[in-house]
N, C-alpha and C. Protein backbone atom coordinates (compact mmCIF):
# COMPACT_ATOMS: atom_id res chain seq x y z
N MET A 1 269.72 140.64 137.68
CA MET A 1 269.35 139.77 136.58
C MET A 1 267.89 139.35 136.68
N PHE A 2 267.40 139.07 137.90
CA PHE A 2 266.05 138.56 138.04
C PHE A 2 265.01 139.66 137.91
N ASN A 3 265.41 140.92 138.05
CA ASN A 3 264.47 142.03 137.90
C ASN A 3 264.43 142.53 136.45
N SER A 4 265.15 141.90 135.58
CA SER A 4 265.24 142.36 134.20
C SER A 4 263.94 142.07 133.46
N ILE A 5 263.64 142.95 132.53
CA ILE A 5 262.44 142.81 131.70
C ILE A 5 262.57 141.62 130.74
N PHE A 6 263.79 141.21 130.45
CA PHE A 6 264.02 140.10 129.52
C PHE A 6 263.65 138.75 130.11
N MET A 7 263.53 138.67 131.41
CA MET A 7 263.19 137.39 132.04
C MET A 7 261.74 136.99 131.74
N SER A 8 260.95 137.90 131.17
CA SER A 8 259.57 137.57 130.82
C SER A 8 259.50 136.75 129.52
N LEU A 9 260.60 136.67 128.79
CA LEU A 9 260.63 135.88 127.55
C LEU A 9 260.67 134.39 127.89
N PRO A 10 259.76 133.60 127.34
CA PRO A 10 259.76 132.18 127.66
C PRO A 10 260.97 131.45 127.10
N GLY A 11 261.59 130.62 127.93
CA GLY A 11 262.70 129.78 127.49
C GLY A 11 263.99 130.54 127.21
N ILE A 12 264.17 131.71 127.79
CA ILE A 12 265.37 132.49 127.52
C ILE A 12 266.59 131.79 128.12
N THR A 13 267.65 131.73 127.35
CA THR A 13 268.89 131.10 127.79
C THR A 13 269.83 132.17 128.32
N PRO A 14 270.79 131.80 129.15
CA PRO A 14 271.76 132.80 129.64
C PRO A 14 272.52 133.48 128.50
N GLN A 15 272.81 132.75 127.45
CA GLN A 15 273.51 133.33 126.30
C GLN A 15 272.65 134.40 125.63
N GLU A 16 271.40 134.12 125.44
CA GLU A 16 270.49 135.09 124.82
C GLU A 16 270.28 136.29 125.74
N PHE A 17 270.14 136.04 127.04
CA PHE A 17 269.97 137.11 128.01
C PHE A 17 271.15 138.07 127.97
N SER A 18 272.33 137.53 127.96
CA SER A 18 273.54 138.35 127.89
C SER A 18 273.60 139.14 126.59
N TYR A 19 273.25 138.51 125.49
CA TYR A 19 273.25 139.17 124.19
C TYR A 19 272.25 140.33 124.16
N LEU A 20 271.07 140.11 124.73
CA LEU A 20 270.05 141.16 124.76
C LEU A 20 270.48 142.33 125.63
N GLN A 21 271.10 142.05 126.77
CA GLN A 21 271.57 143.12 127.64
C GLN A 21 272.62 143.97 126.94
N THR A 22 273.52 143.33 126.23
CA THR A 22 274.56 144.05 125.51
C THR A 22 273.96 144.87 124.37
N ALA A 23 273.02 144.29 123.66
CA ALA A 23 272.43 144.96 122.49
C ALA A 23 271.60 146.17 122.87
N THR A 24 270.99 146.14 124.05
CA THR A 24 270.09 147.24 124.44
C THR A 24 270.73 148.17 125.45
N THR A 25 272.02 148.18 125.55
CA THR A 25 272.70 149.09 126.46
C THR A 25 272.40 150.53 126.06
N GLY A 26 272.01 151.34 127.03
CA GLY A 26 271.73 152.75 126.76
C GLY A 26 270.28 153.03 126.40
N PHE A 27 269.43 152.02 126.37
CA PHE A 27 268.01 152.24 126.07
C PHE A 27 267.29 152.71 127.32
N ASP A 28 266.34 153.63 127.15
CA ASP A 28 265.49 154.00 128.28
C ASP A 28 264.34 153.00 128.37
N GLN A 29 263.49 153.15 129.38
CA GLN A 29 262.42 152.16 129.61
C GLN A 29 261.43 152.10 128.45
N ASN A 30 261.12 153.24 127.84
CA ASN A 30 260.19 153.24 126.70
C ASN A 30 260.77 152.48 125.53
N GLN A 31 262.02 152.74 125.20
CA GLN A 31 262.67 152.04 124.10
C GLN A 31 262.77 150.55 124.40
N LEU A 32 263.07 150.22 125.65
CA LEU A 32 263.21 148.83 126.05
C LEU A 32 261.88 148.08 125.90
N ARG A 33 260.78 148.73 126.32
CA ARG A 33 259.47 148.10 126.18
C ARG A 33 259.09 147.93 124.70
N GLY A 34 259.38 148.94 123.89
CA GLY A 34 259.10 148.84 122.46
C GLY A 34 259.91 147.73 121.81
N PHE A 35 261.19 147.65 122.19
CA PHE A 35 262.04 146.59 121.67
C PHE A 35 261.51 145.22 122.06
N LEU A 36 261.15 145.08 123.32
CA LEU A 36 260.68 143.78 123.82
C LEU A 36 259.39 143.37 123.13
N MET A 37 258.51 144.34 122.85
CA MET A 37 257.26 144.02 122.16
C MET A 37 257.54 143.51 120.74
N ILE A 38 258.43 144.18 120.04
CA ILE A 38 258.76 143.76 118.67
C ILE A 38 259.50 142.43 118.68
N TYR A 39 260.54 142.35 119.50
CA TYR A 39 261.38 141.15 119.55
C TYR A 39 260.60 139.93 120.04
N GLY A 40 259.75 140.13 121.03
CA GLY A 40 258.97 139.02 121.58
C GLY A 40 258.06 138.38 120.54
N GLY A 41 257.59 139.17 119.59
CA GLY A 41 256.74 138.62 118.53
C GLY A 41 257.52 137.90 117.45
N LYS A 42 258.80 138.20 117.33
CA LYS A 42 259.61 137.62 116.26
C LYS A 42 260.45 136.43 116.70
N ARG A 43 260.81 136.37 117.95
CA ARG A 43 261.79 135.37 118.40
C ARG A 43 261.20 133.97 118.43
N ARG A 44 262.09 133.00 118.38
CA ARG A 44 261.72 131.59 118.49
C ARG A 44 262.22 131.07 119.84
N ASN A 45 261.33 130.43 120.55
CA ASN A 45 261.67 129.81 121.82
C ASN A 45 262.48 128.54 121.53
N PRO A 46 263.64 128.37 122.16
CA PRO A 46 264.45 127.17 121.89
C PRO A 46 263.70 125.86 122.17
N ASP A 47 262.83 125.87 123.17
CA ASP A 47 262.07 124.65 123.47
C ASP A 47 261.08 124.32 122.35
N ASP A 48 260.47 125.36 121.79
CA ASP A 48 259.58 125.15 120.65
C ASP A 48 260.36 124.68 119.43
N MET A 49 261.59 125.19 119.30
CA MET A 49 262.42 124.81 118.16
C MET A 49 262.72 123.31 118.20
N LEU A 50 262.90 122.75 119.38
CA LEU A 50 263.12 121.31 119.51
C LEU A 50 261.89 120.55 118.99
N LEU A 51 260.70 121.03 119.33
CA LEU A 51 259.48 120.42 118.84
C LEU A 51 259.41 120.50 117.32
N TYR A 52 259.77 121.66 116.74
CA TYR A 52 259.75 121.81 115.29
C TYR A 52 260.75 120.86 114.63
N CYS A 53 261.88 120.65 115.28
CA CYS A 53 262.88 119.72 114.73
C CYS A 53 262.34 118.30 114.69
N PHE A 54 261.65 117.88 115.74
CA PHE A 54 261.09 116.54 115.74
C PHE A 54 259.92 116.41 114.76
N LEU A 55 259.17 117.49 114.58
CA LEU A 55 258.11 117.46 113.57
C LEU A 55 258.71 117.41 112.17
N GLY A 56 259.99 117.75 112.06
CA GLY A 56 260.69 117.68 110.78
C GLY A 56 260.82 116.26 110.25
N PHE A 57 260.60 115.25 111.09
CA PHE A 57 260.59 113.88 110.59
C PHE A 57 259.34 113.60 109.77
N PHE A 58 258.26 114.38 110.02
CA PHE A 58 257.01 114.21 109.29
C PHE A 58 256.83 115.26 108.20
N VAL A 59 257.35 116.46 108.46
CA VAL A 59 257.33 117.57 107.49
C VAL A 59 258.77 118.02 107.33
N PRO A 60 259.52 117.40 106.44
CA PRO A 60 260.95 117.72 106.32
C PRO A 60 261.19 119.20 106.03
N GLY A 61 262.13 119.79 106.76
CA GLY A 61 262.52 121.18 106.55
C GLY A 61 261.72 122.18 107.35
N LEU A 62 260.79 121.73 108.19
CA LEU A 62 259.94 122.65 108.94
C LEU A 62 260.75 123.64 109.78
N SER A 63 261.73 123.15 110.51
CA SER A 63 262.52 124.04 111.37
C SER A 63 263.31 125.06 110.54
N ARG A 64 263.75 124.67 109.36
CA ARG A 64 264.49 125.60 108.50
C ARG A 64 263.56 126.65 107.91
N PHE A 65 262.35 126.26 107.53
CA PHE A 65 261.39 127.25 107.03
C PHE A 65 261.04 128.26 108.12
N LEU A 66 260.87 127.79 109.36
CA LEU A 66 260.48 128.67 110.45
C LEU A 66 261.61 129.60 110.89
N THR A 67 262.84 129.31 110.50
CA THR A 67 263.95 130.20 110.81
C THR A 67 264.39 130.99 109.59
N ASN A 68 263.50 131.08 108.61
CA ASN A 68 263.72 131.86 107.38
C ASN A 68 264.92 131.37 106.57
N GLN A 69 265.24 130.11 106.66
CA GLN A 69 266.28 129.50 105.82
C GLN A 69 265.56 128.72 104.72
N ILE A 70 264.98 129.47 103.80
CA ILE A 70 264.09 128.89 102.79
C ILE A 70 264.83 127.90 101.89
N GLY A 71 266.03 128.25 101.46
CA GLY A 71 266.80 127.35 100.59
C GLY A 71 267.08 126.01 101.26
N MET A 72 267.52 126.06 102.51
CA MET A 72 267.76 124.80 103.24
C MET A 72 266.46 124.05 103.49
N GLY A 73 265.37 124.78 103.71
CA GLY A 73 264.07 124.14 103.92
C GLY A 73 263.63 123.39 102.69
N ILE A 74 263.83 124.00 101.52
CA ILE A 74 263.47 123.32 100.26
C ILE A 74 264.36 122.10 100.05
N LEU A 75 265.65 122.25 100.32
CA LEU A 75 266.57 121.11 100.19
C LEU A 75 266.16 119.97 101.12
N TYR A 76 265.88 120.30 102.38
CA TYR A 76 265.44 119.28 103.34
C TYR A 76 264.13 118.64 102.89
N PHE A 77 263.22 119.46 102.35
CA PHE A 77 261.91 118.93 101.95
C PHE A 77 262.05 117.89 100.84
N PHE A 78 262.85 118.20 99.83
CA PHE A 78 262.96 117.28 98.69
C PHE A 78 263.92 116.12 98.93
N THR A 79 264.78 116.21 99.95
CA THR A 79 265.70 115.10 100.24
C THR A 79 265.33 114.39 101.55
N PHE A 80 264.12 114.66 102.03
CA PHE A 80 263.65 114.08 103.31
C PHE A 80 264.64 114.36 104.43
N GLY A 81 264.98 115.64 104.57
CA GLY A 81 265.89 116.05 105.64
C GLY A 81 267.28 115.49 105.43
N LEU A 82 267.73 115.49 104.17
CA LEU A 82 269.02 114.88 103.80
C LEU A 82 269.08 113.47 104.36
N CYS A 83 268.06 112.69 104.00
CA CYS A 83 267.90 111.30 104.48
C CYS A 83 267.83 111.25 106.01
N PHE A 84 267.20 112.24 106.59
CA PHE A 84 266.96 112.39 108.02
C PHE A 84 268.22 112.69 108.82
N ILE A 85 269.38 112.69 108.21
CA ILE A 85 270.62 113.01 108.93
C ILE A 85 270.62 114.48 109.31
N GLY A 86 270.22 115.35 108.39
CA GLY A 86 270.15 116.78 108.69
C GLY A 86 269.12 117.09 109.75
N THR A 87 268.02 116.36 109.73
CA THR A 87 266.98 116.56 110.74
C THR A 87 267.47 116.15 112.12
N ILE A 88 268.22 115.07 112.19
CA ILE A 88 268.79 114.63 113.48
C ILE A 88 269.80 115.65 113.98
N ILE A 89 270.63 116.16 113.09
CA ILE A 89 271.62 117.18 113.48
C ILE A 89 270.91 118.45 113.96
N ASP A 90 269.84 118.84 113.29
CA ASP A 90 269.06 120.00 113.74
C ASP A 90 268.47 119.77 115.13
N ALA A 91 268.00 118.55 115.39
CA ALA A 91 267.43 118.23 116.70
C ALA A 91 268.50 118.30 117.79
N ILE A 92 269.72 117.95 117.45
CA ILE A 92 270.81 118.03 118.43
C ILE A 92 271.23 119.48 118.65
N ASN A 93 271.27 120.26 117.58
CA ASN A 93 271.73 121.66 117.65
C ASN A 93 270.58 122.66 117.66
N TYR A 94 269.45 122.30 118.23
CA TYR A 94 268.27 123.17 118.19
C TYR A 94 268.50 124.50 118.90
N LYS A 95 269.29 124.51 119.96
CA LYS A 95 269.53 125.76 120.68
C LYS A 95 270.33 126.75 119.84
N SER A 96 271.34 126.27 119.14
CA SER A 96 272.12 127.18 118.31
C SER A 96 271.31 127.63 117.10
N LEU A 97 270.44 126.78 116.58
CA LEU A 97 269.57 127.15 115.48
C LEU A 97 268.63 128.29 115.90
N ALA A 98 268.05 128.15 117.09
CA ALA A 98 267.16 129.20 117.61
C ALA A 98 267.94 130.47 117.93
N PHE A 99 269.14 130.34 118.51
CA PHE A 99 269.91 131.52 118.89
C PHE A 99 270.35 132.31 117.66
N GLU A 100 270.77 131.63 116.61
CA GLU A 100 271.18 132.32 115.38
C GLU A 100 270.01 133.08 114.77
N TYR A 101 268.84 132.47 114.77
CA TYR A 101 267.65 133.15 114.26
C TYR A 101 267.32 134.35 115.15
N ASN A 102 267.37 134.15 116.46
CA ASN A 102 267.03 135.23 117.39
C ASN A 102 268.02 136.39 117.29
N GLN A 103 269.28 136.11 116.99
CA GLN A 103 270.24 137.19 116.80
C GLN A 103 269.83 138.08 115.63
N ARG A 104 269.37 137.48 114.54
CA ARG A 104 268.91 138.27 113.40
C ARG A 104 267.67 139.09 113.77
N MET A 105 266.80 138.51 114.59
CA MET A 105 265.59 139.23 114.99
C MET A 105 265.93 140.38 115.95
N VAL A 106 266.97 140.21 116.77
CA VAL A 106 267.42 141.31 117.64
C VAL A 106 267.86 142.48 116.78
N PHE A 107 268.64 142.19 115.75
CA PHE A 107 269.12 143.25 114.86
C PHE A 107 267.95 143.97 114.19
N GLU A 108 266.99 143.23 113.67
CA GLU A 108 265.83 143.85 113.03
C GLU A 108 265.02 144.68 114.02
N SER A 109 264.82 144.16 115.22
CA SER A 109 264.05 144.87 116.24
C SER A 109 264.77 146.13 116.68
N LEU A 110 266.08 146.06 116.83
CA LEU A 110 266.85 147.25 117.21
C LEU A 110 266.73 148.33 116.15
N GLN A 111 266.77 147.95 114.89
CA GLN A 111 266.64 148.93 113.82
C GLN A 111 265.28 149.61 113.86
N MET A 112 264.23 148.86 114.15
CA MET A 112 262.89 149.45 114.21
C MET A 112 262.78 150.40 115.38
N VAL A 113 263.34 150.05 116.53
CA VAL A 113 263.26 150.93 117.71
C VAL A 113 264.09 152.18 117.48
N ARG A 114 265.26 152.02 116.90
CA ARG A 114 266.14 153.19 116.67
C ARG A 114 265.54 154.15 115.64
N MET A 115 264.73 153.64 114.73
CA MET A 115 264.07 154.51 113.76
C MET A 115 262.96 155.32 114.44
N GLY A 116 262.59 154.92 115.64
CA GLY A 116 261.57 155.65 116.36
C GLY A 116 260.17 155.21 116.05
N ASN A 117 260.03 154.08 115.38
CA ASN A 117 258.71 153.58 115.02
C ASN A 117 258.57 152.15 115.51
N PRO A 118 258.36 151.94 116.81
CA PRO A 118 258.30 150.59 117.33
C PRO A 118 257.03 149.85 116.96
N PHE A 119 256.05 150.51 116.40
CA PHE A 119 254.82 149.80 116.06
C PHE A 119 254.69 149.72 114.62
């Protein structure tokens, strides 16, 4: 586990590590490096997501916009984070918010690597 290339990702959780290992089963080193380069640029660090959630008290919906949930971001923006209740819930569930976004980015990155065009 400690020699894995995925440990270079900042703030990686055991759940994300396990998901990445499962998703990249059968990849050679070149494919793995290409995947990591693409995925590393797209993923959200859970620790940064907590910061975005707290900044959501000043810019409502920021964390939702950054996770490509545009509709929820607009709703949060115009309702002040659903009267800040939604913002508080996001701050509590920041890890699952980041993990759900990262799962979508894993899928997109895998598709790019499998197409043979990692750049």
